[in-house]
Amino acid sequence: TTVTDQGKWSKLPSMRRFLLIICIAVMLAACDNSAQKGKRQQRPEKVHLVETITAQRLPESQTLIRTGTLRARHETRIITQEEGRLIELPFYEGDTVKKGAILFRLDDTLLQAELKKASAQRLQAEQDLKRVERLQHRSVISEDELVRTRTALDVAQAEEDLLRIRLSNTYMKAPFAGVITTREAEPGDVLGRFKQVLTLTNPESLVTEVSISELL
């Protein structure tokens, strides 16, 4: 504040002049403090170091834990086709088996004896047929006798073939390479026909069945 009128200033009482001077000094000090605060507020902000990366589009992955059932798509039950006493069963659960290995064997003593008998009968029928054919050329025997002799030979041959097939059923070879998963009998057991002995599983055919929500 500037006082230009000296006449008016001189006419003021001394107390009033003193108070006016104090007010002017306070106002000047307040303006000076405001200027200094403004200078403080205009200080530059501190710089913060940051790391930047380039955003990329990546596939989302998720790990889930679920319980399931292990199942083999290729396994076979090894069963007997003949009855008899089990004399050989070399494999146990968990054993690895090669293709063509003998899985079990039954006692075939009786069938071997029956096969020898059938072979002898077949040889006898062949000799009978040769003798009848020679006589038939001489017209000594009838045509019916020749037919019966040929039929007897056919029956003997069929009986021998049947016994050979039954003998081949007294043992079983592995149809494929795999692992024994069950063992249902022991050597010395007397087994009937169509009795399960083993279960052979192909480990390469194992699959896991798991139930998962449709939302996944």
Protein backbone atom coordinates (compact mmCIF):
# COMPACT_ATOMS: atom_id res chain seq x y z
CA THR A 1 0.00 0.00 0.00
CA THR A 2 1.40 3.40 -1.00
CA VAL A 3 0.35 6.54 0.89
CA THR A 4 0.64 9.54 -1.42
CA ASP A 5 -1.34 12.02 0.42
CA GLN A 6 1.16 13.37 3.02
CA GLY A 7 -1.42 15.66 4.47
CA LYS A 8 -3.84 12.93 5.32
CA TRP A 9 -1.04 10.72 6.75
CA SER A 10 0.16 13.49 9.04
CA LYS A 11 -3.32 14.08 10.33
CA LEU A 12 -3.77 10.43 11.50
CA PRO A 13 -3.23 9.71 15.18
CA SER A 14 0.06 8.09 16.05
CA MET A 15 -1.59 4.86 17.28
CA ARG A 16 -3.52 4.41 14.06
CA ARG A 17 -0.39 4.99 12.02
CA PHE A 18 1.43 2.36 14.05
CA LEU A 19 -1.37 -0.19 13.49
CA LEU A 20 -1.48 0.55 9.79
CA ILE A 21 2.27 -0.04 9.47
CA ILE A 22 1.95 -3.40 11.24
CA CYS A 23 -0.89 -4.49 8.91
CA ILE A 24 1.15 -3.56 5.87
CA ALA A 25 4.16 -5.56 7.17
CA VAL A 26 2.01 -8.66 7.86
CA MET A 27 0.54 -8.53 4.36
CA LEU A 28 3.99 -8.25 2.80
CA ALA A 29 5.25 -11.23 4.86
CA ALA A 30 2.23 -13.35 3.80
CA CYS A 31 2.86 -12.58 0.12
CA ASP A 32 6.50 -13.53 0.54
CA ASN A 33 5.58 -16.91 2.20
CA SER A 34 3.07 -17.65 -0.59
CA ALA A 35 5.74 -17.06 -3.21
CA GLN A 36 8.17 -19.37 -1.42
CA LYS A 37 5.52 -22.13 -1.11
CA GLY A 38 4.78 -21.80 -4.80
CA LYS A 39 8.46 -22.26 -5.54
CA ARG A 40 8.57 -25.39 -3.33
CA GLN A 41 5.50 -26.89 -5.08
CA GLN A 42 7.07 -26.39 -8.50
CA ARG A 43 9.96 -28.78 -7.73
CA PRO A 44 10.29 -31.57 -10.37
CA GLU A 45 8.88 -34.99 -9.44
CA LYS A 46 11.22 -37.94 -8.90
CA VAL A 47 11.70 -40.32 -11.85
CA HIS A 48 10.79 -43.99 -11.19
CA LEU A 49 12.58 -46.68 -13.22
CA VAL A 50 10.18 -49.27 -14.75
CA GLU A 51 10.62 -52.34 -16.99
CA THR A 52 8.50 -52.64 -20.11
CA ILE A 53 7.70 -55.79 -22.09
CA THR A 54 5.87 -56.43 -25.34
CA ALA A 55 2.47 -58.12 -24.90
CA GLN A 56 2.13 -61.40 -26.77
CA ARG A 57 -0.80 -63.68 -27.52
CA LEU A 58 -0.07 -67.16 -26.08
CA PRO A 59 -2.22 -70.30 -25.70
CA GLU A 60 -3.70 -70.78 -22.26
CA SER A 61 -2.82 -74.00 -20.44
CA GLN A 62 -4.55 -75.55 -17.46
CA THR A 63 -3.63 -78.52 -15.27
CA LEU A 64 -6.45 -80.66 -13.91
CA ILE A 65 -6.33 -83.74 -11.67
CA ARG A 66 -9.11 -86.29 -12.18
CA THR A 67 -9.61 -89.93 -11.19
CA GLY A 68 -10.24 -92.51 -13.90
CA THR A 69 -10.44 -96.21 -14.72
CA LEU A 70 -7.66 -98.11 -16.48
CA ARG A 71 -8.98 -100.61 -19.04
CA ALA A 72 -7.39 -102.84 -21.67
CA ARG A 73 -8.98 -102.90 -25.11
CA HIS A 74 -7.11 -106.08 -26.06
CA GLU A 75 -7.12 -108.97 -23.63
CA THR A 76 -8.14 -112.63 -23.80
CA ARG A 77 -9.15 -115.26 -21.30
CA ILE A 78 -7.19 -118.49 -21.66
CA ILE A 79 -9.61 -121.41 -21.16
CA THR A 80 -9.39 -125.17 -21.46
CA GLN A 81 -11.05 -127.01 -24.34
CA GLU A 82 -10.34 -130.44 -22.87
CA GLU A 83 -10.73 -131.83 -19.38
CA GLY A 84 -7.75 -133.23 -17.49
CA ARG A 85 -5.16 -132.68 -14.82
CA LEU A 86 -3.11 -129.49 -15.08
CA ILE A 87 0.57 -130.41 -15.18
CA GLU A 88 2.21 -127.20 -16.41
CA LEU A 89 1.43 -123.54 -15.63
CA PRO A 90 4.70 -121.58 -15.67
CA PHE A 91 3.43 -117.97 -15.56
CA TYR A 92 2.14 -115.78 -12.72
CA GLU A 93 0.45 -112.38 -12.50
CA GLY A 94 2.70 -109.66 -13.88
CA ASP A 95 4.86 -112.00 -15.98
CA THR A 96 5.65 -110.91 -19.53
CA VAL A 97 4.80 -113.52 -22.16
CA LYS A 98 6.09 -113.74 -25.72
CA LYS A 99 3.86 -114.68 -28.60
CA GLY A 100 3.75 -118.46 -29.07
CA ALA A 101 4.88 -119.34 -25.54
CA ILE A 102 3.16 -122.36 -23.89
CA LEU A 103 0.78 -120.95 -21.29
CA PHE A 104 -0.46 -124.25 -19.81
CA ARG A 105 -0.46 -127.98 -20.49
CA LEU A 106 -2.85 -130.78 -19.46
CA ASP A 107 -2.04 -134.44 -18.93
CA ASP A 108 -2.54 -136.06 -22.36
CA THR A 109 -1.58 -139.65 -21.52
CA LEU A 110 -5.05 -141.05 -22.14
CA LEU A 111 -5.50 -139.20 -25.41
CA GLN A 112 -2.10 -140.36 -26.64
CA ALA A 113 -3.18 -144.00 -26.05
CA GLU A 114 -6.47 -143.43 -27.84
CA LEU A 115 -4.60 -141.86 -30.76
CA LYS A 116 -2.34 -144.91 -31.10
CA LYS A 117 -5.42 -147.14 -31.14
CA ALA A 118 -7.12 -144.96 -33.79
CA SER A 119 -3.96 -144.97 -35.93
CA ALA A 120 -3.80 -148.77 -35.80
CA GLN A 121 -7.47 -149.03 -36.80
CA ARG A 122 -6.87 -146.66 -39.68
CA LEU A 123 -3.92 -148.78 -40.91
CA GLN A 124 -6.07 -151.91 -40.67
CA ALA A 125 -8.84 -150.22 -42.66
CA GLU A 126 -6.35 -149.27 -45.38
CA GLN A 127 -5.14 -152.85 -45.68
CA ASP A 128 -8.72 -154.15 -45.76
CA LEU A 129 -9.56 -151.73 -48.56
CA LYS A 130 -6.57 -152.86 -50.65
CA ARG A 131 -7.52 -156.51 -50.19
CA VAL A 132 -11.18 -155.85 -51.10
CA GLU A 133 -10.19 -153.83 -54.18
CA ARG A 134 -8.05 -156.75 -55.44
CA LEU A 135 -10.94 -159.16 -54.90
CA GLN A 136 -13.40 -156.82 -56.52
CA HIS A 137 -11.31 -156.75 -59.72
CA ARG A 138 -11.66 -160.54 -59.79
CA SER A 139 -15.41 -160.22 -59.22
CA VAL A 140 -15.10 -162.30 -56.06
CA ILE A 141 -16.94 -159.83 -53.81
CA SER A 142 -19.81 -157.45 -54.42
CA GLU A 143 -19.76 -153.70 -54.89
CA ASP A 144 -21.51 -153.21 -51.53
CA GLU A 145 -18.60 -154.87 -49.71
CA LEU A 146 -16.18 -152.47 -51.37
CA VAL A 147 -18.29 -149.46 -50.33
CA ARG A 148 -18.46 -150.67 -46.70
CA THR A 149 -14.70 -151.10 -46.62
CA ARG A 150 -14.08 -147.59 -47.94
CA THR A 151 -16.54 -146.18 -45.40
CA ALA A 152 -14.74 -147.98 -42.56
CA LEU A 153 -11.47 -146.40 -43.67
CA ASP A 154 -13.06 -142.93 -43.73
CA VAL A 155 -14.41 -143.42 -40.21
CA ALA A 156 -11.03 -144.59 -38.92
CA GLN A 157 -9.30 -141.60 -40.52
CA ALA A 158 -11.84 -139.18 -39.03
CA GLU A 159 -11.39 -140.73 -35.58
CA GLU A 160 -7.64 -140.31 -35.81
CA ASP A 161 -7.97 -136.67 -36.94
CA LEU A 162 -10.35 -135.93 -34.06
CA LEU A 163 -7.94 -137.29 -31.49
CA ARG A 164 -5.09 -135.23 -32.95
CA ILE A 165 -7.24 -132.11 -32.57
CA ARG A 166 -8.09 -133.02 -28.98
CA LEU A 167 -4.40 -133.50 -28.25
CA SER A 168 -3.63 -130.04 -29.61
CA ASN A 169 -6.22 -128.66 -27.18
CA THR A 170 -4.38 -130.03 -24.14
CA TYR A 171 -2.00 -127.06 -24.28
CA MET A 172 -2.37 -123.41 -25.22
CA LYS A 173 0.07 -121.00 -26.86
CA ALA A 174 0.01 -117.26 -26.31
CA PRO A 175 -1.87 -115.66 -29.23
CA PHE A 176 0.01 -112.38 -28.75
CA ALA A 177 2.75 -110.88 -26.59
CA GLY A 178 1.42 -109.50 -23.35
CA VAL A 179 1.27 -109.63 -19.56
CA ILE A 180 -0.49 -112.18 -17.34
CA THR A 181 -3.09 -110.30 -15.27
CA THR A 182 -4.94 -113.21 -13.58
CA ARG A 183 -4.06 -116.81 -12.66
CA GLU A 184 -7.10 -118.93 -11.89
CA ALA A 185 -5.60 -122.43 -11.34
CA GLU A 186 -2.57 -124.28 -10.02
CA PRO A 187 -0.65 -127.35 -11.27
CA GLY A 188 -2.31 -130.53 -10.03
CA ASP A 189 -5.86 -129.19 -10.36
CA VAL A 190 -8.28 -131.32 -12.36
CA LEU A 191 -10.01 -128.97 -14.77
CA GLY A 192 -13.15 -129.44 -16.79
CA ARG A 193 -13.84 -128.13 -20.25
CA PHE A 194 -14.11 -124.34 -20.75
CA LYS A 195 -12.41 -123.56 -17.43
CA GLN A 196 -10.53 -120.24 -17.28
CA VAL A 197 -6.86 -120.66 -16.43
CA LEU A 198 -5.24 -117.29 -17.18
CA THR A 199 -5.96 -113.81 -18.51
CA LEU A 200 -3.52 -112.35 -21.04
CA THR A 201 -3.51 -108.57 -21.56
CA ASN A 202 -1.78 -106.47 -24.19
CA PRO A 203 -0.26 -103.51 -22.25
CA GLU A 204 -0.06 -101.39 -25.41
CA SER A 205 -3.87 -101.36 -25.56
CA LEU A 206 -4.43 -99.80 -22.13
CA VAL A 207 -6.70 -96.74 -22.05
CA THR A 208 -7.88 -94.53 -19.20
CA GLU A 209 -11.54 -93.56 -18.98
CA VAL A 210 -12.06 -90.25 -17.13
CA SER A 211 -15.31 -88.35 -16.55
CA ILE A 212 -14.87 -84.62 -17.28
CA SER A 213 -17.39 -81.78 -17.16
CA GLU A 214 -18.69 -80.49 -20.46
CA LEU A 215 -17.47 -77.02 -19.47
CA LEU A 216 -13.87 -78.25 -19.84
